[in-house]
Amino acid sequence: MKVLVVYCHPSKNSFTHTIKESFIRGLEDAGHSYEVSDLYAQGFNPVMSESEYIREGFYRLKDPVEKDILNEQAKINSADIVVFIYPDFWTASPAMLEGWFQRVWTYGFAYGDKPSMKTLEKAVFLITMGGSLKDDIRLQQLEAMKTVMAGDRIRNRAKNCEVYAFDEMTRGYGNDINREERIETFSQRAYDLAKGLR
C-alpha cells in the first residue's frame, strides 16, 4: 500500500506531532511505502489567489493550475490511501488545511464532468482534541466534523472513510501523569492503526 500522510500542525512539540510520528513508525513496520505532506514544514500557501478563484468559480479548465497544487495532486494520485493528521481547532481543521482543500480540490481534478483524481481505497482522519470526546459527541461537534470531512471533502473520492479522535490532551484534563499515560495509549493506537491499514 502507498500512503500519503497530509499533516498539519504548527508545532513539533505537540501531541499531534507525536501521533504523526507513531503512525509513520507503524507504516514503516508494516512495510507500507509512504510520503508526507507536512503543510507547515513545506510552507504551503493556503490562500487562494484571484486567478485561482476565477478558474474555480467559472469552471475554466484551460486556466493553469499552480505548480504547488499540481505537486499535491500528483501525490494523491500516486497513493492508495490518504491519511489526514491534524488538531481540532474550534470544531474545524486548522486554516492551513482548510486552504489545502480549497486550493487542491480543483475543478477537473476533484470534481467536474471527468475529474482526474483517482478513487482512493481509503481516506483516514486522525484528529487530536484538547477537550472531551464525550462533550464533542453530546454537542454533535464530532458529527459535524465527520459531515464536513467525510461527507463533503471525501464523499465518493474514496471507497472507505474512517475518522478517529484522540481527546482530552490539554493540561486542563486530569494531571500530567494521566496526560502522559494518554499520550502513550494514543501513540500506540496510532501505531496500530497504521500497521493494520488494508
N, C-alpha and C. Protein backbone atom coordinates (compact mmCIF):
# COMPACT_ATOMS: atom_id res chain seq x y z
N MET A 1 0.83 -1.19 0.00
CA MET A 1 0.00 0.00 0.00
C MET A 1 0.88 1.25 0.00
N LYS A 2 0.52 2.22 -0.82
CA LYS A 2 1.19 3.53 -0.82
C LYS A 2 0.27 4.50 -0.08
N VAL A 3 0.84 5.16 0.93
CA VAL A 3 0.06 6.04 1.80
C VAL A 3 0.60 7.46 1.71
N LEU A 4 -0.30 8.40 1.51
CA LEU A 4 0.04 9.82 1.62
C LEU A 4 -0.48 10.32 2.95
N VAL A 5 0.42 10.88 3.76
CA VAL A 5 0.04 11.48 5.04
C VAL A 5 0.05 12.99 4.86
N VAL A 6 -1.12 13.60 5.01
CA VAL A 6 -1.23 15.07 4.98
C VAL A 6 -1.28 15.52 6.43
N TYR A 7 -0.20 16.16 6.86
CA TYR A 7 -0.05 16.52 8.27
C TYR A 7 -0.09 18.04 8.42
N CYS A 8 -0.85 18.51 9.41
CA CYS A 8 -1.00 19.95 9.59
C CYS A 8 -1.00 20.31 11.07
N HIS A 9 0.12 20.85 11.54
CA HIS A 9 0.20 21.38 12.91
C HIS A 9 1.37 22.35 12.97
N PRO A 10 1.20 23.49 13.66
CA PRO A 10 2.28 24.49 13.68
C PRO A 10 3.46 24.16 14.59
N SER A 11 3.33 23.14 15.47
CA SER A 11 4.39 22.88 16.45
C SER A 11 4.90 21.44 16.41
N LYS A 12 6.23 21.31 16.45
CA LYS A 12 6.82 19.97 16.53
C LYS A 12 6.77 19.42 17.95
N ASN A 13 6.43 20.27 18.92
CA ASN A 13 6.34 19.85 20.32
C ASN A 13 4.90 19.59 20.72
N SER A 14 4.12 19.10 19.79
CA SER A 14 2.70 18.89 20.05
C SER A 14 2.35 17.41 20.17
N PHE A 15 1.22 17.17 20.78
CA PHE A 15 0.67 15.81 20.82
C PHE A 15 0.38 15.31 19.41
N THR A 16 -0.08 16.20 18.55
CA THR A 16 -0.40 15.82 17.17
C THR A 16 0.85 15.33 16.45
N HIS A 17 1.99 15.99 16.71
CA HIS A 17 3.26 15.55 16.11
C HIS A 17 3.63 14.16 16.61
N THR A 18 3.41 13.91 17.89
CA THR A 18 3.69 12.58 18.45
C THR A 18 2.82 11.52 17.76
N ILE A 19 1.55 11.83 17.55
CA ILE A 19 0.65 10.90 16.86
C ILE A 19 1.14 10.63 15.45
N LYS A 20 1.57 11.68 14.75
CA LYS A 20 2.08 11.52 13.38
C LYS A 20 3.31 10.62 13.35
N GLU A 21 4.25 10.85 14.28
CA GLU A 21 5.47 10.04 14.32
C GLU A 21 5.16 8.57 14.63
N SER A 22 4.23 8.33 15.55
CA SER A 22 3.83 6.95 15.88
C SER A 22 3.16 6.28 14.69
N PHE A 23 2.34 7.03 13.98
CA PHE A 23 1.66 6.50 12.81
C PHE A 23 2.67 6.12 11.73
N ILE A 24 3.65 6.97 11.50
CA ILE A 24 4.66 6.69 10.48
C ILE A 24 5.49 5.46 10.87
N ARG A 25 5.80 5.33 12.16
CA ARG A 25 6.51 4.13 12.62
C ARG A 25 5.72 2.88 12.30
N GLY A 26 4.40 2.95 12.50
CA GLY A 26 3.54 1.81 12.17
C GLY A 26 3.54 1.50 10.69
N LEU A 27 3.53 2.55 9.86
CA LEU A 27 3.60 2.34 8.40
C LEU A 27 4.89 1.63 8.02
N GLU A 28 5.98 2.10 8.60
CA GLU A 28 7.29 1.51 8.29
C GLU A 28 7.35 0.04 8.72
N ASP A 29 6.87 -0.25 9.93
CA ASP A 29 6.92 -1.62 10.44
C ASP A 29 6.00 -2.55 9.67
N ALA A 30 4.95 -1.98 9.06
CA ALA A 30 4.03 -2.79 8.25
C ALA A 30 4.54 -2.97 6.82
N GLY A 31 5.60 -2.24 6.47
CA GLY A 31 6.15 -2.34 5.11
C GLY A 31 5.42 -1.51 4.07
N HIS A 32 4.59 -0.56 4.53
CA HIS A 32 3.91 0.33 3.59
C HIS A 32 4.87 1.41 3.10
N SER A 33 4.78 1.76 1.84
CA SER A 33 5.52 2.94 1.37
C SER A 33 4.66 4.15 1.67
N TYR A 34 5.30 5.29 1.90
CA TYR A 34 4.53 6.47 2.28
C TYR A 34 5.26 7.75 1.87
N GLU A 35 4.50 8.81 1.83
CA GLU A 35 5.00 10.15 1.58
C GLU A 35 4.26 11.07 2.53
N VAL A 36 4.94 12.11 3.02
CA VAL A 36 4.32 13.04 3.95
C VAL A 36 4.26 14.43 3.32
N SER A 37 3.08 15.02 3.33
CA SER A 37 2.93 16.44 3.03
C SER A 37 2.75 17.15 4.36
N ASP A 38 3.86 17.66 4.89
CA ASP A 38 3.84 18.42 6.14
C ASP A 38 3.60 19.87 5.74
N LEU A 39 2.37 20.33 5.85
CA LEU A 39 1.99 21.61 5.27
C LEU A 39 2.76 22.79 5.84
N TYR A 40 3.01 22.78 7.15
CA TYR A 40 3.78 23.88 7.74
C TYR A 40 5.24 23.79 7.33
N ALA A 41 5.82 22.59 7.37
CA ALA A 41 7.24 22.44 7.05
C ALA A 41 7.53 22.81 5.60
N GLN A 42 6.61 22.50 4.70
CA GLN A 42 6.86 22.80 3.30
C GLN A 42 6.40 24.21 2.91
N GLY A 43 5.87 24.95 3.89
CA GLY A 43 5.47 26.33 3.63
C GLY A 43 4.31 26.43 2.65
N PHE A 44 3.38 25.49 2.76
CA PHE A 44 2.24 25.50 1.85
C PHE A 44 1.45 26.80 2.01
N ASN A 45 1.09 27.41 0.88
CA ASN A 45 0.31 28.64 0.90
C ASN A 45 -1.17 28.27 0.81
N PRO A 46 -1.93 28.51 1.89
CA PRO A 46 -3.35 28.13 1.87
C PRO A 46 -4.28 29.17 1.25
N VAL A 47 -3.72 30.29 0.83
CA VAL A 47 -4.55 31.40 0.37
C VAL A 47 -4.81 31.30 -1.13
N MET A 48 -6.07 31.19 -1.49
CA MET A 48 -6.46 31.14 -2.90
C MET A 48 -6.26 32.51 -3.54
N SER A 49 -5.61 32.52 -4.71
CA SER A 49 -5.40 33.77 -5.43
C SER A 49 -6.64 34.13 -6.23
N GLU A 50 -6.65 35.35 -6.74
CA GLU A 50 -7.78 35.78 -7.56
C GLU A 50 -7.88 34.93 -8.82
N SER A 51 -6.73 34.62 -9.44
CA SER A 51 -6.77 33.81 -10.67
C SER A 51 -7.29 32.41 -10.38
N GLU A 52 -6.96 31.86 -9.21
CA GLU A 52 -7.48 30.55 -8.83
C GLU A 52 -9.00 30.62 -8.62
N TYR A 53 -9.43 31.69 -7.96
CA TYR A 53 -10.86 31.87 -7.75
C TYR A 53 -11.61 31.93 -9.09
N ILE A 54 -11.07 32.67 -10.02
CA ILE A 54 -11.72 32.81 -11.34
C ILE A 54 -11.77 31.45 -12.04
N ARG A 55 -10.67 30.69 -11.96
CA ARG A 55 -10.63 29.36 -12.58
C ARG A 55 -11.71 28.47 -11.99
N GLU A 56 -11.82 28.48 -10.65
CA GLU A 56 -12.79 27.62 -9.98
C GLU A 56 -14.22 28.13 -10.15
N GLY A 57 -14.39 29.41 -9.94
CA GLY A 57 -15.73 29.99 -9.95
C GLY A 57 -16.42 29.94 -11.31
N PHE A 58 -15.60 29.95 -12.37
CA PHE A 58 -16.18 29.95 -13.72
C PHE A 58 -15.85 28.68 -14.50
N TYR A 59 -15.35 27.65 -13.77
CA TYR A 59 -15.07 26.33 -14.35
C TYR A 59 -14.21 26.44 -15.60
N ARG A 60 -13.09 27.16 -15.47
CA ARG A 60 -12.22 27.40 -16.62
C ARG A 60 -11.07 26.41 -16.63
N LEU A 61 -11.30 25.26 -17.25
CA LEU A 61 -10.30 24.20 -17.30
C LEU A 61 -9.02 24.61 -18.00
N LYS A 62 -9.11 25.53 -18.92
CA LYS A 62 -7.94 25.93 -19.70
C LYS A 62 -6.98 26.82 -18.90
N ASP A 63 -7.47 27.41 -17.82
CA ASP A 63 -6.59 28.24 -16.99
C ASP A 63 -5.61 27.34 -16.25
N PRO A 64 -4.36 27.76 -16.11
CA PRO A 64 -3.35 26.90 -15.48
C PRO A 64 -3.57 26.70 -13.98
N VAL A 65 -3.08 25.57 -13.50
CA VAL A 65 -3.09 25.27 -12.06
C VAL A 65 -1.67 25.48 -11.55
N GLU A 66 -1.55 26.12 -10.38
CA GLU A 66 -0.24 26.41 -9.81
C GLU A 66 0.58 25.13 -9.58
N LYS A 67 1.91 25.27 -9.69
CA LYS A 67 2.81 24.11 -9.58
C LYS A 67 2.70 23.42 -8.22
N ASP A 68 2.58 24.21 -7.13
CA ASP A 68 2.49 23.58 -5.81
C ASP A 68 1.23 22.73 -5.67
N ILE A 69 0.17 23.15 -6.37
CA ILE A 69 -1.08 22.39 -6.33
C ILE A 69 -0.96 21.13 -7.18
N LEU A 70 -0.35 21.24 -8.34
CA LEU A 70 -0.12 20.06 -9.19
C LEU A 70 0.72 19.02 -8.45
N ASN A 71 1.69 19.48 -7.64
CA ASN A 71 2.52 18.55 -6.85
C ASN A 71 1.68 17.79 -5.84
N GLU A 72 0.77 18.50 -5.15
CA GLU A 72 -0.09 17.84 -4.17
C GLU A 72 -1.04 16.86 -4.86
N GLN A 73 -1.56 17.24 -5.99
CA GLN A 73 -2.48 16.37 -6.73
C GLN A 73 -1.76 15.11 -7.21
N ALA A 74 -0.51 15.26 -7.63
CA ALA A 74 0.27 14.10 -8.07
C ALA A 74 0.51 13.14 -6.90
N LYS A 75 0.76 13.70 -5.71
CA LYS A 75 0.94 12.85 -4.52
C LYS A 75 -0.32 12.04 -4.24
N ILE A 76 -1.48 12.69 -4.37
CA ILE A 76 -2.75 12.00 -4.14
C ILE A 76 -2.93 10.86 -5.14
N ASN A 77 -2.69 11.14 -6.39
CA ASN A 77 -2.92 10.14 -7.44
C ASN A 77 -1.89 9.01 -7.44
N SER A 78 -0.80 9.19 -6.69
CA SER A 78 0.17 8.10 -6.57
C SER A 78 -0.08 7.25 -5.32
N ALA A 79 -1.07 7.65 -4.52
CA ALA A 79 -1.36 6.95 -3.26
C ALA A 79 -2.58 6.04 -3.39
N ASP A 80 -2.61 5.03 -2.53
CA ASP A 80 -3.81 4.19 -2.39
C ASP A 80 -4.69 4.71 -1.26
N ILE A 81 -4.03 5.25 -0.24
CA ILE A 81 -4.72 5.74 0.96
C ILE A 81 -4.18 7.12 1.29
N VAL A 82 -5.07 8.04 1.66
CA VAL A 82 -4.64 9.35 2.15
C VAL A 82 -5.07 9.47 3.61
N VAL A 83 -4.12 9.85 4.45
CA VAL A 83 -4.37 9.99 5.89
C VAL A 83 -4.15 11.45 6.27
N PHE A 84 -5.13 12.04 6.93
CA PHE A 84 -5.05 13.42 7.39
C PHE A 84 -4.85 13.42 8.89
N ILE A 85 -3.79 14.07 9.36
CA ILE A 85 -3.50 14.15 10.79
C ILE A 85 -3.44 15.62 11.18
N TYR A 86 -4.32 16.04 12.08
CA TYR A 86 -4.41 17.45 12.42
C TYR A 86 -5.17 17.62 13.74
N PRO A 87 -5.05 18.81 14.37
CA PRO A 87 -5.81 19.09 15.59
C PRO A 87 -7.18 19.69 15.29
N ASP A 88 -8.09 19.51 16.20
CA ASP A 88 -9.41 20.14 16.13
C ASP A 88 -9.26 21.57 16.66
N PHE A 89 -9.43 22.54 15.78
CA PHE A 89 -9.44 23.95 16.18
C PHE A 89 -10.86 24.47 16.01
N TRP A 90 -11.58 24.67 17.11
CA TRP A 90 -12.93 25.21 17.07
C TRP A 90 -13.84 24.41 16.13
N THR A 91 -13.83 23.09 16.33
CA THR A 91 -14.66 22.17 15.55
C THR A 91 -14.35 22.27 14.05
N ALA A 92 -13.09 22.46 13.75
CA ALA A 92 -12.65 22.53 12.34
C ALA A 92 -11.18 22.16 12.28
N SER A 93 -10.69 21.95 11.07
CA SER A 93 -9.27 21.74 10.89
C SER A 93 -8.56 23.09 10.90
N PRO A 94 -7.24 23.11 11.09
CA PRO A 94 -6.51 24.38 11.02
C PRO A 94 -6.72 25.07 9.67
N ALA A 95 -6.61 26.39 9.67
CA ALA A 95 -6.85 27.19 8.47
C ALA A 95 -5.99 26.72 7.29
N MET A 96 -4.77 26.28 7.59
CA MET A 96 -3.89 25.84 6.50
C MET A 96 -4.45 24.61 5.80
N LEU A 97 -5.03 23.68 6.54
CA LEU A 97 -5.62 22.50 5.92
C LEU A 97 -6.91 22.86 5.18
N GLU A 98 -7.68 23.80 5.73
CA GLU A 98 -8.86 24.28 5.00
C GLU A 98 -8.44 24.83 3.64
N GLY A 99 -7.37 25.63 3.65
CA GLY A 99 -6.87 26.20 2.42
C GLY A 99 -6.31 25.16 1.47
N TRP A 100 -5.73 24.09 2.05
CA TRP A 100 -5.22 22.99 1.21
C TRP A 100 -6.37 22.38 0.41
N PHE A 101 -7.48 22.08 1.08
CA PHE A 101 -8.63 21.53 0.36
C PHE A 101 -9.15 22.51 -0.68
N GLN A 102 -9.26 23.78 -0.30
CA GLN A 102 -9.83 24.77 -1.22
C GLN A 102 -8.96 24.96 -2.45
N ARG A 103 -7.65 24.81 -2.31
CA ARG A 103 -6.76 25.00 -3.45
C ARG A 103 -6.47 23.71 -4.21
N VAL A 104 -6.40 22.57 -3.51
CA VAL A 104 -6.02 21.30 -4.15
C VAL A 104 -7.22 20.62 -4.80
N TRP A 105 -8.40 20.76 -4.23
CA TRP A 105 -9.62 20.14 -4.77
C TRP A 105 -10.12 20.98 -5.96
N THR A 106 -9.35 21.04 -7.03
CA THR A 106 -9.69 21.92 -8.15
C THR A 106 -10.71 21.28 -9.10
N TYR A 107 -11.36 22.17 -9.83
CA TYR A 107 -12.26 21.74 -10.90
C TYR A 107 -11.43 20.99 -11.95
N GLY A 108 -11.93 19.84 -12.34
CA GLY A 108 -11.20 19.00 -13.28
C GLY A 108 -10.34 17.96 -12.60
N PHE A 109 -10.03 18.20 -11.31
CA PHE A 109 -9.28 17.20 -10.54
C PHE A 109 -10.20 16.49 -9.56
N ALA A 110 -10.78 17.22 -8.61
CA ALA A 110 -11.62 16.61 -7.57
C ALA A 110 -13.10 16.60 -7.92
N TYR A 111 -13.48 17.43 -8.86
CA TYR A 111 -14.89 17.47 -9.25
C TYR A 111 -15.00 17.96 -10.69
N GLY A 112 -16.21 17.83 -11.23
CA GLY A 112 -16.44 18.20 -12.62
C GLY A 112 -16.93 16.99 -13.41
N ASP A 113 -17.05 17.13 -14.71
CA ASP A 113 -17.59 16.05 -15.55
C ASP A 113 -16.69 14.81 -15.55
N LYS A 114 -15.37 15.01 -15.67
CA LYS A 114 -14.43 13.89 -15.72
C LYS A 114 -13.22 14.22 -14.84
N PRO A 115 -13.39 14.17 -13.53
CA PRO A 115 -12.28 14.52 -12.65
C PRO A 115 -11.11 13.55 -12.79
N SER A 116 -9.90 14.07 -12.74
CA SER A 116 -8.71 13.22 -12.92
C SER A 116 -8.22 12.60 -11.62
N MET A 117 -8.80 12.99 -10.50
CA MET A 117 -8.42 12.38 -9.22
C MET A 117 -8.88 10.93 -9.18
N LYS A 118 -7.96 10.05 -8.78
CA LYS A 118 -8.32 8.63 -8.69
C LYS A 118 -9.27 8.40 -7.51
N THR A 119 -9.98 7.29 -7.54
CA THR A 119 -10.78 6.89 -6.38
C THR A 119 -9.86 6.16 -5.42
N LEU A 120 -9.67 6.72 -4.25
CA LEU A 120 -8.77 6.14 -3.26
C LEU A 120 -9.38 4.89 -2.64
N GLU A 121 -8.53 4.00 -2.19
CA GLU A 121 -9.02 2.84 -1.44
C GLU A 121 -9.61 3.27 -0.11
N LYS A 122 -8.96 4.29 0.49
CA LYS A 122 -9.42 4.71 1.81
C LYS A 122 -8.92 6.12 2.11
N ALA A 123 -9.72 6.86 2.86
CA ALA A 123 -9.29 8.12 3.46
C ALA A 123 -9.45 7.97 4.97
N VAL A 124 -8.45 8.42 5.70
CA VAL A 124 -8.46 8.27 7.16
C VAL A 124 -8.17 9.64 7.79
N PHE A 125 -8.92 9.98 8.83
CA PHE A 125 -8.72 11.22 9.56
C PHE A 125 -8.34 10.88 11.00
N LEU A 126 -7.18 11.37 11.44
CA LEU A 126 -6.75 11.26 12.83
C LEU A 126 -6.79 12.67 13.41
N ILE A 127 -7.75 12.92 14.29
CA ILE A 127 -8.00 14.26 14.80
C ILE A 127 -7.67 14.32 16.28
N THR A 128 -6.74 15.18 16.65
CA THR A 128 -6.43 15.35 18.07
C THR A 128 -7.30 16.46 18.63
N MET A 129 -7.70 16.27 19.89
CA MET A 129 -8.65 17.19 20.52
C MET A 129 -8.18 17.55 21.92
N GLY A 130 -8.31 18.81 22.25
CA GLY A 130 -7.97 19.23 23.61
C GLY A 130 -9.03 18.84 24.61
N GLY A 131 -10.27 18.89 24.18
CA GLY A 131 -11.39 18.62 25.08
C GLY A 131 -11.82 17.17 25.09
N SER A 132 -12.98 16.96 25.68
CA SER A 132 -13.50 15.61 25.88
C SER A 132 -14.30 15.14 24.66
N LEU A 133 -14.04 13.93 24.24
CA LEU A 133 -14.80 13.35 23.14
C LEU A 133 -16.28 13.22 23.53
N LYS A 134 -16.54 12.91 24.80
CA LYS A 134 -17.93 12.81 25.26
C LYS A 134 -18.67 14.12 25.05
N ASP A 135 -17.99 15.22 25.37
CA ASP A 135 -18.62 16.54 25.17
C ASP A 135 -18.85 16.81 23.70
N ASP A 136 -17.86 16.47 22.88
CA ASP A 136 -17.99 16.70 21.44
C ASP A 136 -19.14 15.89 20.84
N ILE A 137 -19.30 14.66 21.32
CA ILE A 137 -20.40 13.82 20.84
C ILE A 137 -21.74 14.39 21.32
N ARG A 138 -21.79 14.79 22.61
CA ARG A 138 -23.03 15.35 23.17
C ARG A 138 -23.46 16.61 22.42
N LEU A 139 -22.48 17.43 22.05
CA LEU A 139 -22.78 18.69 21.35
C LEU A 139 -22.83 18.50 19.83
N GLN A 140 -22.66 17.26 19.39
CA GLN A 140 -22.69 16.90 17.96
C GLN A 140 -21.58 17.57 17.16
N GLN A 141 -20.50 17.94 17.85
CA GLN A 141 -19.37 18.58 17.15
C GLN A 141 -18.58 17.56 16.33
N LEU A 142 -18.37 16.37 16.87
CA LEU A 142 -17.65 15.35 16.11
C LEU A 142 -18.44 14.95 14.87
N GLU A 143 -19.75 14.84 15.04
CA GLU A 143 -20.60 14.51 13.90
C GLU A 143 -20.52 15.59 12.82
N ALA A 144 -20.44 16.84 13.26
CA ALA A 144 -20.31 17.95 12.30
C ALA A 144 -19.00 17.85 11.54
N MET A 145 -17.91 17.53 12.25
CA MET A 145 -16.61 17.38 11.58
C MET A 145 -16.63 16.21 10.60
N LYS A 146 -17.26 15.12 11.00
CA LYS A 146 -17.37 13.97 10.10
C LYS A 146 -18.16 14.33 8.84
N THR A 147 -19.24 15.10 9.02
CA THR A 147 -20.05 15.50 7.87
C THR A 147 -19.23 16.32 6.89
N VAL A 148 -18.44 17.26 7.42
CA VAL A 148 -17.62 18.11 6.55
C VAL A 148 -16.51 17.31 5.89
N MET A 149 -15.75 16.57 6.68
CA MET A 149 -14.58 15.90 6.14
C MET A 149 -14.94 14.65 5.32
N ALA A 150 -15.70 13.76 5.93
CA ALA A 150 -16.05 12.51 5.23
C ALA A 150 -17.13 12.73 4.19
N GLY A 151 -18.10 13.56 4.54
CA GLY A 151 -19.24 13.76 3.64
C GLY A 151 -18.95 14.70 2.50
N ASP A 152 -18.37 15.86 2.80
CA ASP A 152 -18.14 16.87 1.76
C ASP A 152 -16.77 16.72 1.11
N ARG A 153 -15.70 16.70 1.91
CA ARG A 153 -14.35 16.68 1.33
C ARG A 153 -14.07 15.36 0.59
N ILE A 154 -14.40 14.24 1.22
CA ILE A 154 -14.08 12.94 0.62
C ILE A 154 -15.22 12.43 -0.25
N ARG A 155 -16.41 12.34 0.31
CA ARG A 155 -17.60 11.89 -0.41
C ARG A 155 -17.30 10.59 -1.16
N ASN A 156 -17.38 10.59 -2.49
CA ASN A 156 -17.14 9.37 -3.27
C ASN A 156 -15.72 9.32 -3.81
N ARG A 157 -14.84 10.12 -3.25
CA ARG A 157 -13.45 10.14 -3.73
C ARG A 157 -12.61 9.02 -3.11
N ALA A 158 -13.21 8.28 -2.18
CA ALA A 158 -12.56 7.12 -1.58
C ALA A 158 -13.62 6.04 -1.36
N LYS A 159 -13.19 4.80 -1.46
CA LYS A 159 -14.14 3.69 -1.26
C LYS A 159 -14.57 3.58 0.19
N ASN A 160 -13.67 3.94 1.10
CA ASN A 160 -13.95 3.89 2.53
C ASN A 160 -13.38 5.13 3.21
N CYS A 161 -14.01 5.52 4.29
CA CYS A 161 -13.53 6.67 5.06
C CYS A 161 -13.66 6.37 6.55
N GLU A 162 -12.58 6.63 7.29
CA GLU A 162 -12.57 6.37 8.73
C GLU A 162 -12.13 7.63 9.46
N VAL A 163 -12.76 7.90 10.60
CA VAL A 163 -12.43 9.06 11.42
C VAL A 163 -12.13 8.59 12.83
N TYR A 164 -10.96 8.99 13.35
CA TYR A 164 -10.56 8.62 14.71
C TYR A 164 -10.22 9.89 15.49
N ALA A 165 -10.71 9.96 16.74
CA ALA A 165 -10.46 11.12 17.59
C ALA A 165 -9.58 10.71 18.76
N PHE A 166 -8.64 11.58 19.12
CA PHE A 166 -7.74 11.39 20.26
C PHE A 166 -7.97 12.59 21.18
N ASP A 167 -8.64 12.37 22.31
CA ASP A 167 -9.17 13.50 23.07
C ASP A 167 -8.49 13.76 24.41
N GLU A 168 -8.94 14.86 25.05
CA GLU A 168 -8.51 15.29 26.38
C GLU A 168 -6.99 15.46 26.48
N MET A 169 -6.43 16.19 25.51
CA MET A 169 -4.99 16.32 25.50
C MET A 169 -4.47 17.67 25.99
N THR A 170 -5.34 18.59 26.41
CA THR A 170 -4.83 19.81 27.02
C THR A 170 -4.56 19.55 28.49
N ARG A 171 -3.77 20.41 29.10
CA ARG A 171 -3.40 20.19 30.51
C ARG A 171 -4.57 20.44 31.46
N GLY A 172 -5.68 20.89 30.96
CA GLY A 172 -6.84 21.14 31.80
C GLY A 172 -7.56 19.87 32.23
N TYR A 173 -7.19 18.72 31.64
CA TYR A 173 -7.87 17.47 31.98
C TYR A 173 -6.95 16.60 32.84
N GLY A 174 -7.36 16.38 34.09
CA GLY A 174 -6.59 15.50 34.97
C GLY A 174 -5.24 16.10 35.31
N ASN A 175 -4.25 15.24 35.61
CA ASN A 175 -2.91 15.72 35.92
C ASN A 175 -1.94 15.27 34.83
N ASP A 176 -0.70 15.71 34.95
CA ASP A 176 0.29 15.41 33.91
C ASP A 176 0.57 13.91 33.79
N ILE A 177 0.45 13.17 34.89
CA ILE A 177 0.67 11.71 34.82
C ILE A 177 -0.39 11.08 33.94
N ASN A 178 -1.65 11.46 34.18
CA ASN A 178 -2.72 10.93 33.33
C ASN A 178 -2.52 11.33 31.87
N ARG A 179 -2.07 12.55 31.67
CA ARG A 179 -1.83 13.03 30.30
C ARG A 179 -0.75 12.20 29.63
N GLU A 180 0.33 11.92 30.35
CA GLU A 180 1.41 11.11 29.78
C GLU A 180 0.92 9.70 29.45
N GLU A 181 0.09 9.16 30.32
CA GLU A 181 -0.47 7.84 30.06
C GLU A 181 -1.34 7.85 28.80
N ARG A 182 -2.12 8.92 28.66
CA ARG A 182 -2.97 9.04 27.47
C ARG A 182 -2.13 9.16 26.20
N ILE A 183 -1.06 9.94 26.29
CA ILE A 183 -0.17 10.09 25.13
C ILE A 183 0.39 8.73 24.73
N GLU A 184 0.81 7.96 25.72
CA GLU A 184 1.36 6.63 25.43
C GLU A 184 0.29 5.72 24.82
N THR A 185 -0.90 5.74 25.40
CA THR A 185 -2.00 4.91 24.90
C THR A 185 -2.39 5.30 23.48
N PHE A 186 -2.52 6.60 23.25
CA PHE A 186 -2.93 7.08 21.93
C PHE A 186 -1.83 6.89 20.89
N SER A 187 -0.58 7.02 21.31
CA SER A 187 0.53 6.77 20.38
C SER A 187 0.51 5.32 19.91
N GLN A 188 0.23 4.42 20.83
CA GLN A 188 0.12 3.01 20.47
C GLN A 188 -1.05 2.78 19.54
N ARG A 189 -2.15 3.47 19.80
CA ARG A 189 -3.33 3.35 18.94
C ARG A 189 -3.02 3.82 17.52
N ALA A 190 -2.32 4.95 17.41
CA ALA A 190 -1.95 5.47 16.09
C ALA A 190 -1.02 4.49 15.37
N TYR A 191 -0.07 3.93 16.10
CA TYR A 191 0.85 2.92 15.55
C TYR A 191 0.06 1.72 15.04
N ASP A 192 -0.86 1.23 15.85
CA ASP A 192 -1.66 0.05 15.47
C ASP A 192 -2.54 0.32 14.26
N LEU A 193 -3.11 1.52 14.19
CA LEU A 193 -3.94 1.87 13.04
C LEU A 193 -3.12 1.84 11.75
N ALA A 194 -1.91 2.37 11.82
CA ALA A 194 -1.04 2.38 10.64
C ALA A 194 -0.62 0.97 10.26
N LYS A 195 -0.26 0.21 11.25
CA LYS A 195 0.21 -1.15 10.98
C LYS A 195 -0.90 -2.03 10.41
N GLY A 196 -2.14 -1.71 10.79
CA GLY A 196 -3.28 -2.52 10.35
C GLY A 196 -3.96 -2.01 9.08
N LEU A 197 -3.39 -0.98 8.45
CA LEU A 197 -4.02 -0.44 7.24
C LEU A 197 -4.13 -1.50 6.15
N ARG A 198 -5.32 -1.59 5.56
CA ARG A 198 -5.55 -2.53 4.45
C ARG A 198 -6.34 -1.82 3.37
